[in-house]
């Protein structure tokens, strides 16, 4: 997950993943300028958070929440 600080949606995404016991790696682009370049190359986006599962971008917090509510998040994580 690519994040920056301060970012309410980033905190919400981390909380959701933690509540579901889904491990994640956080790349805080405020502290990792190379991470910012990787994010741009991978997604073309500079909004936060950006969630990547098994190399595939799924979007930001709203897309993560939609995937969780539909049950698709569990499938994505299981497939990874």
C-alpha atoms as a PDB file:
ATOM      1  CA  UNK A   1       0.000   0.000   0.000  1.00  0.00           C
ATOM      2  CA  UNK A   2       1.346   3.389  -1.011  1.00  0.00           C
ATOM      3  CA  UNK A   3       0.526   6.082   1.532  1.00  0.00           C
ATOM      4  CA  UNK A   4       1.460   9.581   2.561  1.00  0.00           C
ATOM      5  CA  UNK A   5       1.037  11.533   5.755  1.00  0.00           C
ATOM      6  CA  UNK A   6      -1.305  13.057   6.792  1.00  0.00           C
ATOM      7  CA  UNK A   7      -3.950  11.025   5.005  1.00  0.00           C
ATOM      8  CA  UNK A   8      -7.284  10.032   6.535  1.00  0.00           C
ATOM      9  CA  UNK A   9      -8.075   7.570   3.754  1.00  0.00           C
ATOM     10  CA  UNK A  10      -4.675   5.923   4.307  1.00  0.00           C
ATOM     11  CA  UNK A  11      -5.447   5.460   8.011  1.00  0.00           C
ATOM     12  CA  UNK A  12      -8.856   4.033   7.130  1.00  0.00           C
ATOM     13  CA  UNK A  13      -7.356   1.585   4.630  1.00  0.00           C
ATOM     14  CA  UNK A  14      -4.774   0.386   7.157  1.00  0.00           C
ATOM     15  CA  UNK A  15      -7.486  -0.028   9.789  1.00  0.00           C
ATOM     16  CA  UNK A  16      -9.658  -2.064   7.432  1.00  0.00           C
ATOM     17  CA  UNK A  17      -6.776  -4.361   6.483  1.00  0.00           C
ATOM     18  CA  UNK A  18      -5.776  -4.789  10.125  1.00  0.00           C
ATOM     19  CA  UNK A  19      -9.394  -5.559  11.098  1.00  0.00           C
ATOM     20  CA  UNK A  20      -9.441  -8.302   8.452  1.00  0.00           C
ATOM     21  CA  UNK A  21      -6.005  -9.597   9.588  1.00  0.00           C
ATOM     22  CA  UNK A  22      -4.563  -8.907   6.145  1.00  0.00           C
ATOM     23  CA  UNK A  23      -0.842  -8.223   6.224  1.00  0.00           C
ATOM     24  CA  UNK A  24       0.401  -5.335   4.126  1.00  0.00           C
ATOM     25  CA  UNK A  25       3.578  -3.475   3.316  1.00  0.00           C
ATOM     26  CA  UNK A  26       3.351   0.295   3.627  1.00  0.00           C
ATOM     27  CA  UNK A  27       5.380   2.524   1.362  1.00  0.00           C
ATOM     28  CA  UNK A  28       5.123   6.088   2.668  1.00  0.00           C
ATOM     29  CA  UNK A  29       6.037   8.226  -0.318  1.00  0.00           C
ATOM     30  CA  UNK A  30       6.676  11.222   1.947  1.00  0.00           C
ATOM     31  CA  UNK A  31       9.711   9.294   3.219  1.00  0.00           C
ATOM     32  CA  UNK A  32      10.508   7.313   0.063  1.00  0.00           C
ATOM     33  CA  UNK A  33      10.903   9.456  -3.084  1.00  0.00           C
ATOM     34  CA  UNK A  34      11.733   6.357  -5.144  1.00  0.00           C
ATOM     35  CA  UNK A  35       8.450   4.840  -3.949  1.00  0.00           C
ATOM     36  CA  UNK A  36       6.642   7.824  -5.441  1.00  0.00           C
ATOM     37  CA  UNK A  37       8.245   7.131  -8.823  1.00  0.00           C
ATOM     38  CA  UNK A  38       7.388   3.414  -8.612  1.00  0.00           C
ATOM     39  CA  UNK A  39       3.785   4.285  -7.756  1.00  0.00           C
ATOM     40  CA  UNK A  40       3.489   6.629 -10.713  1.00  0.00           C
ATOM     41  CA  UNK A  41       4.984   4.033 -13.063  1.00  0.00           C
ATOM     42  CA  UNK A  42       2.731   1.266 -11.714  1.00  0.00           C
ATOM     43  CA  UNK A  43      -0.590   3.089 -11.473  1.00  0.00           C
ATOM     44  CA  UNK A  44      -0.257   6.472 -13.144  1.00  0.00           C
ATOM     45  CA  UNK A  45      -1.922   7.821  -9.982  1.00  0.00           C
ATOM     46  CA  UNK A  46      -0.705  10.180  -7.290  1.00  0.00           C
ATOM     47  CA  UNK A  47      -3.703   9.936  -4.977  1.00  0.00           C
ATOM     48  CA  UNK A  48      -3.483   8.101  -1.692  1.00  0.00           C
ATOM     49  CA  UNK A  49      -3.697   5.424  -0.644  1.00  0.00           C
ATOM     50  CA  UNK A  50      -3.046   3.194  -3.613  1.00  0.00           C
ATOM     51  CA  UNK A  51      -3.516  -0.486  -2.827  1.00  0.00           C
ATOM     52  CA  UNK A  52      -1.617  -3.076  -4.814  1.00  0.00           C
ATOM     53  CA  UNK A  53      -2.388  -6.774  -4.388  1.00  0.00           C
ATOM     54  CA  UNK A  54       0.012  -9.273  -5.909  1.00  0.00           C
ATOM     55  CA  UNK A  55       1.341  -6.634  -8.303  1.00  0.00           C
ATOM     56  CA  UNK A  56      -2.115  -5.522  -9.472  1.00  0.00           C
ATOM     57  CA  UNK A  57      -3.434  -2.086  -8.522  1.00  0.00           C
ATOM     58  CA  UNK A  58      -6.959  -2.182  -7.100  1.00  0.00           C
ATOM     59  CA  UNK A  59      -7.283   1.551  -6.405  1.00  0.00           C
ATOM     60  CA  UNK A  60      -7.719   3.623  -3.285  1.00  0.00           C
ATOM     61  CA  UNK A  61      -9.674   3.316  -0.069  1.00  0.00           C
ATOM     62  CA  UNK A  62     -13.097   3.409  -1.684  1.00  0.00           C
ATOM     63  CA  UNK A  63     -12.193   0.580  -4.048  1.00  0.00           C
ATOM     64  CA  UNK A  64     -10.735  -1.358  -1.110  1.00  0.00           C
ATOM     65  CA  UNK A  65     -13.936  -0.825   0.865  1.00  0.00           C
ATOM     66  CA  UNK A  66     -16.079  -1.892  -2.109  1.00  0.00           C
ATOM     67  CA  UNK A  67     -13.959  -5.029  -2.535  1.00  0.00           C
ATOM     68  CA  UNK A  68     -14.343  -5.808   1.172  1.00  0.00           C
ATOM     69  CA  UNK A  69     -18.111  -5.306   1.174  1.00  0.00           C
ATOM     70  CA  UNK A  70     -18.599  -7.462  -1.919  1.00  0.00           C
ATOM     71  CA  UNK A  71     -16.359 -10.268  -0.643  1.00  0.00           C
ATOM     72  CA  UNK A  72     -13.920  -9.719  -3.514  1.00  0.00           C
ATOM     73  CA  UNK A  73     -11.117  -8.587  -1.158  1.00  0.00           C
ATOM     74  CA  UNK A  74     -10.965 -12.006   0.472  1.00  0.00           C
ATOM     75  CA  UNK A  75     -10.757 -13.612  -2.988  1.00  0.00           C
ATOM     76  CA  UNK A  76      -8.017 -11.201  -4.094  1.00  0.00           C
ATOM     77  CA  UNK A  77      -5.927 -11.851  -1.000  1.00  0.00           C
ATOM     78  CA  UNK A  78      -6.451 -15.614  -1.174  1.00  0.00           C
ATOM     79  CA  UNK A  79      -5.379 -15.681  -4.830  1.00  0.00           C
ATOM     80  CA  UNK A  80      -2.218 -13.670  -4.082  1.00  0.00           C
END
